[in-house]
Amino acid sequence: MRADLCPQQIDSGGKADIRHSTVLPVLFRFLVISVARRLWSCLRIIGRHDHRDLDETRRIAARVEGWLTDEEGELLYELAKDCLGRGVIVEIGSWKGRSTIWLARGSKQGRKTKVYAIDPHKKSSLADFKDNIKMARVEDLVVPIVKTSAQAAGEFSKPVELIFIDGNHHYEMVELDFILWFPKVVENGTMVFHDTTNFFGPKKVVEEHIYRSRNFRSVKLVNSVTLGEKTRKNAFKDRFRSNVWLCIKKVYEVLEPHTFT
C-alpha cells in the first residue's frame, strides 16, 4: 500500500469505481434494447409491406391465363426480389404475362432489375400481354422482346442474373435454350425451368444439365420448377444435395404421373 493514501481515500475511490462500473453497463444495455426494439419494429413494418404486396401480386396473377401455380409464382417473386443488380432478369416464354408479373413485382420490391420478356407472341397474345403488364403496374420494368429464344439470344449482350425458361417444351428446343443462355448467366446467377416433372423435354434437360452437372449448386425442386445456382465447379456436398433432390423429383413424378411429350 502506498504510504500517501489513507484508508478513507481508498474506500471513497473504490465506491466511485463501483458506481461508475455499474452505471455504464446499465446505460449500454438500455441503448442496445432500445435500438433492438426500433429495428424489430422496422422489420415488422417491412414484413407486413412485403406480405401485402405478395397478396396483391397473387390476386393480380390469378386474373391472367397461365399454368404457373401460386407457389411457383412466389418462388419467382422471391428470386427476382433477391437479385443484386449484377445482371438482368430474362424470361423465355411469356405468353400473356402471368410469370412476368410475378418476376417484375418481385423485382420492384428489390433493386428494380429489368425483366426482359422474350416470346414470339403468336396471334393476339402480345396485346393481352401488354394489357396485363399495365394492369399489374410493372410496365416500367418489363421489356418485351417479340422474338424466338434463339433470335433474341443472338442479339442479347447483357449479363443475366436470373433466367426463367418456359418456352417450347420439346427436348431439342429446351436444350437449345439452355445451350444459348447458360453462357450469359453470371457466376452465382440462377437458372429456373418450368414443367420439369410433367413434360418430357424440360424433365430430361434438367436431369442432364442441372441435377447431374458440375456447374450448379443449391439445386432444388418447387412443384414442377427446377432451379440451380451457376458455379464454376461445384463441391461434393453440392452434388450430393442435387442427387437427393433428383430422387425427390423421381418420387414426385411417380406420385403425380402426368407426363406430356
Protein backbone atom coordinates (compact mmCIF):
# COMPACT_ATOMS: atom_id res chain seq x y z
CA MET A 1 0.00 0.00 0.00
CA ARG A 2 1.20 3.45 -0.89
CA ALA A 3 2.05 5.48 2.22
CA ASP A 4 0.43 8.64 0.84
CA LEU A 5 -3.06 7.06 0.66
CA CYS A 6 -5.24 6.73 3.71
CA PRO A 7 -7.98 4.08 4.10
CA GLN A 8 -10.69 6.72 3.70
CA GLN A 9 -9.35 7.70 0.28
CA ILE A 10 -9.13 4.09 -0.83
CA ASP A 11 -12.69 3.39 0.31
CA SER A 12 -14.07 6.52 -1.35
CA GLY A 13 -12.29 5.81 -4.60
CA GLY A 14 -13.46 2.21 -4.57
CA LYS A 15 -17.10 3.24 -4.15
CA ALA A 16 -16.78 5.70 -7.01
CA ASP A 17 -15.29 2.96 -9.21
CA ILE A 18 -18.10 0.60 -8.26
CA ARG A 19 -20.76 3.21 -9.06
CA HIS A 20 -19.05 4.00 -12.36
CA SER A 21 -18.71 0.34 -13.36
CA THR A 22 -22.40 -0.27 -12.55
CA VAL A 23 -23.89 2.71 -14.38
CA LEU A 24 -22.11 2.13 -17.72
CA PRO A 25 -23.36 -1.43 -18.29
CA VAL A 26 -26.91 -0.36 -17.39
CA LEU A 27 -26.77 2.51 -19.91
CA PHE A 28 -25.28 0.22 -22.53
CA ARG A 29 -28.00 -2.38 -22.01
CA PHE A 30 -30.65 0.33 -22.25
CA LEU A 31 -29.24 1.60 -25.54
CA VAL A 32 -28.95 -1.91 -27.02
CA ILE A 33 -32.50 -2.81 -26.03
CA SER A 34 -33.84 0.48 -27.41
CA VAL A 35 -32.07 0.02 -30.74
CA ALA A 36 -33.16 -3.63 -30.95
CA ARG A 37 -36.79 -2.68 -30.34
CA ARG A 38 -36.63 0.01 -33.02
CA LEU A 39 -35.08 -2.39 -35.54
CA TRP A 40 -37.67 -5.04 -34.72
CA SER A 41 -40.45 -2.53 -35.31
CA CYS A 42 -38.94 -1.60 -38.67
CA LEU A 43 -38.60 -5.24 -39.68
CA ARG A 44 -42.22 -5.92 -38.74
CA ILE A 45 -43.34 -2.99 -40.88
CA ILE A 46 -41.23 -4.22 -43.80
CA GLY A 47 -42.58 -7.74 -43.34
CA ARG A 48 -46.16 -6.51 -43.36
CA HIS A 49 -45.46 -4.46 -46.50
CA ASP A 50 -43.94 -7.47 -48.32
CA HIS A 51 -46.83 -9.65 -47.24
CA ARG A 52 -49.37 -7.17 -48.57
CA ASP A 53 -47.56 -6.87 -51.89
CA LEU A 54 -47.32 -10.64 -52.20
CA ASP A 55 -51.05 -10.98 -51.57
CA GLU A 56 -51.79 -8.31 -54.16
CA THR A 57 -49.48 -9.98 -56.69
CA ARG A 58 -51.28 -13.26 -56.12
CA ARG A 59 -54.63 -11.64 -56.81
CA ILE A 60 -53.35 -9.89 -59.95
CA ALA A 61 -51.67 -13.01 -61.34
CA ALA A 62 -54.85 -15.03 -60.78
CA ARG A 63 -56.59 -12.79 -63.33
CA VAL A 64 -54.09 -13.76 -66.04
CA GLU A 65 -54.27 -17.00 -68.01
CA GLY A 66 -51.42 -19.43 -67.42
CA TRP A 67 -50.30 -22.62 -65.70
CA LEU A 68 -47.91 -21.23 -63.10
CA THR A 69 -49.03 -22.16 -59.58
CA ASP A 70 -49.02 -19.67 -56.71
CA GLU A 71 -46.13 -21.49 -55.04
CA GLU A 72 -44.09 -21.35 -58.25
CA GLY A 73 -45.01 -17.68 -58.69
CA GLU A 74 -43.93 -16.84 -55.15
CA LEU A 75 -40.60 -18.55 -55.87
CA LEU A 76 -40.07 -16.32 -58.93
CA TYR A 77 -41.11 -13.28 -56.87
CA GLU A 78 -38.52 -14.00 -54.18
CA LEU A 79 -35.76 -14.83 -56.67
CA ALA A 80 -36.37 -11.57 -58.55
CA LYS A 81 -36.57 -9.60 -55.32
CA ASP A 82 -33.20 -11.02 -54.21
CA CYS A 83 -31.36 -10.04 -57.41
CA LEU A 84 -28.34 -7.88 -56.62
CA GLY A 85 -28.15 -5.97 -59.89
CA ARG A 86 -25.23 -7.99 -61.28
CA GLY A 87 -27.30 -8.71 -64.37
CA VAL A 88 -30.82 -8.51 -65.75
CA ILE A 89 -33.76 -10.89 -65.46
CA VAL A 90 -34.73 -12.86 -68.58
CA GLU A 91 -37.90 -14.83 -69.23
CA ILE A 92 -38.18 -17.27 -72.11
CA GLY A 93 -41.87 -17.77 -72.88
CA SER A 94 -44.14 -15.04 -71.53
CA TRP A 95 -47.45 -15.74 -73.29
CA LYS A 96 -49.96 -13.47 -71.51
CA GLY A 97 -47.63 -12.38 -68.73
CA ARG A 98 -48.57 -14.40 -65.66
CA SER A 99 -45.00 -15.36 -64.75
CA THR A 100 -43.73 -11.98 -65.99
CA ILE A 101 -45.91 -10.26 -63.40
CA TRP A 102 -44.52 -12.41 -60.59
CA LEU A 103 -40.96 -11.64 -61.69
CA ALA A 104 -41.48 -7.91 -62.21
CA ARG A 105 -43.40 -7.29 -58.99
CA GLY A 106 -40.74 -9.18 -57.05
CA SER A 107 -38.05 -7.12 -58.74
CA LYS A 108 -39.95 -3.96 -57.83
CA GLN A 109 -39.62 -4.89 -54.15
CA GLY A 110 -35.88 -5.38 -54.62
CA ARG A 111 -33.43 -3.47 -56.79
CA LYS A 112 -35.89 -2.92 -59.64
CA THR A 113 -33.91 -5.09 -62.05
CA LYS A 114 -35.30 -5.00 -65.59
CA VAL A 115 -37.22 -8.05 -66.82
CA TYR A 116 -36.66 -8.94 -70.50
CA ALA A 117 -39.71 -10.96 -71.54
CA ILE A 118 -38.97 -12.98 -74.69
CA ASP A 119 -41.81 -14.52 -76.70
CA PRO A 120 -42.71 -14.58 -80.43
CA HIS A 121 -46.32 -13.80 -79.37
CA LYS A 122 -48.46 -15.50 -81.98
CA LYS A 123 -51.96 -14.20 -82.67
CA SER A 124 -53.33 -11.79 -80.06
CA SER A 125 -51.15 -12.73 -77.07
CA LEU A 126 -48.97 -9.60 -77.38
CA ALA A 127 -51.92 -7.25 -76.88
CA ASP A 128 -53.11 -9.28 -73.90
CA PHE A 129 -49.57 -9.37 -72.54
CA LYS A 130 -49.22 -5.59 -72.66
CA ASP A 131 -52.65 -5.07 -71.08
CA ASN A 132 -51.81 -7.44 -68.23
CA ILE A 133 -48.41 -5.87 -67.59
CA LYS A 134 -50.06 -2.45 -67.41
CA MET A 135 -52.77 -3.80 -65.11
CA ALA A 136 -50.02 -5.09 -62.78
CA ARG A 137 -48.32 -1.65 -62.85
CA VAL A 138 -44.92 -3.04 -63.88
CA GLU A 139 -44.62 -1.68 -67.43
CA ASP A 140 -41.65 0.43 -66.29
CA LEU A 141 -39.65 -2.73 -65.50
CA VAL A 142 -40.74 -5.08 -68.30
CA VAL A 143 -39.05 -5.01 -71.71
CA PRO A 144 -40.96 -7.20 -74.20
CA ILE A 145 -38.86 -8.80 -76.93
CA VAL A 146 -41.05 -10.22 -79.70
CA LYS A 147 -38.67 -12.89 -80.98
CA THR A 148 -37.91 -16.54 -80.50
CA SER A 149 -35.42 -17.51 -77.83
CA ALA A 150 -32.75 -18.26 -80.45
CA GLN A 151 -33.29 -14.94 -82.25
CA ALA A 152 -33.11 -12.97 -79.03
CA ALA A 153 -30.05 -14.82 -77.73
CA GLY A 154 -28.12 -13.97 -80.87
CA GLU A 155 -28.51 -10.25 -80.18
CA PHE A 156 -28.58 -10.20 -76.37
CA SER A 157 -25.38 -8.86 -74.81
CA LYS A 158 -26.42 -8.04 -71.23
CA PRO A 159 -25.30 -10.26 -68.33
CA VAL A 160 -28.13 -12.32 -66.85
CA GLU A 161 -28.58 -12.81 -63.11
CA LEU A 162 -31.85 -14.73 -63.25
CA ILE A 163 -33.45 -16.59 -66.15
CA PHE A 164 -36.80 -18.39 -66.22
CA ILE A 165 -37.14 -20.85 -69.11
CA ASP A 166 -40.70 -21.77 -70.04
CA GLY A 167 -40.73 -21.73 -73.84
CA ASN A 168 -41.08 -24.54 -76.37
CA HIS A 169 -41.19 -27.79 -74.34
CA HIS A 170 -39.76 -30.15 -76.97
CA TYR A 171 -36.48 -31.64 -75.75
CA GLU A 172 -34.33 -30.20 -78.56
CA MET A 173 -35.76 -26.71 -78.03
CA VAL A 174 -35.36 -26.75 -74.23
CA GLU A 175 -31.79 -27.98 -74.61
CA LEU A 176 -31.14 -25.24 -77.16
CA ASP A 177 -32.46 -22.65 -74.67
CA PHE A 178 -30.00 -23.99 -72.11
CA ILE A 179 -27.06 -24.00 -74.53
CA LEU A 180 -27.77 -20.47 -75.78
CA TRP A 181 -28.43 -18.80 -72.42
CA PHE A 182 -26.17 -20.63 -69.95
CA PRO A 183 -23.05 -18.68 -71.08
CA LYS A 184 -24.88 -15.38 -70.49
CA VAL A 185 -25.70 -16.19 -66.84
CA VAL A 186 -23.29 -14.63 -64.34
CA GLU A 187 -21.44 -16.64 -61.70
CA ASN A 188 -23.88 -17.37 -58.85
CA GLY A 189 -26.76 -16.44 -61.14
CA THR A 190 -29.86 -18.65 -61.17
CA MET A 191 -31.41 -20.71 -63.95
CA VAL A 192 -35.05 -21.76 -63.47
CA PHE A 193 -37.01 -24.24 -65.60
CA HIS A 194 -40.77 -24.76 -65.59
CA ASP A 195 -42.68 -28.03 -66.12
CA THR A 196 -39.71 -30.26 -65.28
CA THR A 197 -41.86 -33.03 -63.78
CA ASN A 198 -44.68 -33.27 -66.31
CA PHE A 199 -43.13 -32.60 -69.74
CA PHE A 200 -40.53 -34.91 -71.23
CA GLY A 201 -38.37 -32.13 -72.73
CA PRO A 202 -37.79 -29.96 -69.63
CA LYS A 203 -37.61 -33.10 -67.46
CA LYS A 204 -34.75 -34.62 -69.46
CA VAL A 205 -32.85 -31.35 -69.89
CA VAL A 206 -32.71 -30.52 -66.18
CA GLU A 207 -31.69 -34.06 -65.28
CA GLU A 208 -28.82 -33.93 -67.78
CA HIS A 209 -27.73 -30.31 -67.41
CA ILE A 210 -28.73 -29.28 -63.87
CA TYR A 211 -29.06 -32.20 -61.43
CA ARG A 212 -26.04 -34.12 -62.81
CA SER A 213 -23.96 -31.07 -63.70
CA ARG A 214 -20.70 -29.90 -62.11
CA ASN A 215 -21.74 -26.30 -62.84
CA PHE A 216 -24.71 -25.94 -60.48
CA ARG A 217 -25.26 -25.85 -56.74
CA SER A 218 -28.26 -25.20 -54.46
CA VAL A 219 -30.35 -27.26 -56.87
CA LYS A 220 -33.93 -27.90 -55.78
CA LEU A 221 -37.47 -28.55 -56.91
CA VAL A 222 -40.59 -26.45 -56.20
CA ASN A 223 -43.71 -28.07 -57.63
CA SER A 224 -42.75 -28.53 -61.29
CA VAL A 225 -39.96 -25.94 -61.20
CA THR A 226 -36.28 -26.92 -61.08
CA LEU A 227 -33.70 -24.27 -60.24
CA GLY A 228 -29.98 -24.13 -59.67
CA GLU A 229 -27.26 -21.58 -58.99
CA LYS A 230 -24.48 -21.42 -61.56
CA THR A 231 -20.97 -22.05 -60.31
CA ARG A 232 -17.59 -22.67 -61.91
CA LYS A 233 -17.26 -26.08 -60.25
CA ASN A 234 -19.47 -27.46 -57.51
CA ALA A 235 -18.31 -29.42 -54.47
CA PHE A 236 -19.12 -32.98 -53.41
CA LYS A 237 -21.77 -31.73 -50.96
CA ASP A 238 -23.45 -29.81 -53.81
CA ARG A 239 -23.57 -32.94 -55.99
CA PHE A 240 -24.89 -34.98 -53.09
CA ARG A 241 -27.63 -32.42 -52.49
CA SER A 242 -28.51 -32.38 -56.21
CA ASN A 243 -28.84 -36.17 -56.25
CA VAL A 244 -31.08 -36.08 -53.18
CA TRP A 245 -33.34 -33.58 -54.95
CA LEU A 246 -33.28 -35.71 -58.10
CA CYS A 247 -34.53 -38.66 -56.02
CA ILE A 248 -37.27 -36.45 -54.56
CA LYS A 249 -38.19 -35.39 -58.10
CA LYS A 250 -38.44 -39.03 -59.22
CA VAL A 251 -40.71 -39.87 -56.30
CA TYR A 252 -42.87 -36.83 -57.06
CA GLU A 253 -43.21 -37.93 -60.68
CA VAL A 254 -44.33 -41.40 -59.60
CA LEU A 255 -46.94 -39.90 -57.28
CA GLU A 256 -48.08 -37.40 -59.95
CA PRO A 257 -47.79 -39.43 -63.19
CA HIS A 258 -48.80 -36.84 -65.79
CA THR A 259 -46.01 -36.62 -68.35
CA PHE A 260 -46.54 -34.95 -71.74
CA THR A 261 -44.23 -35.05 -74.73
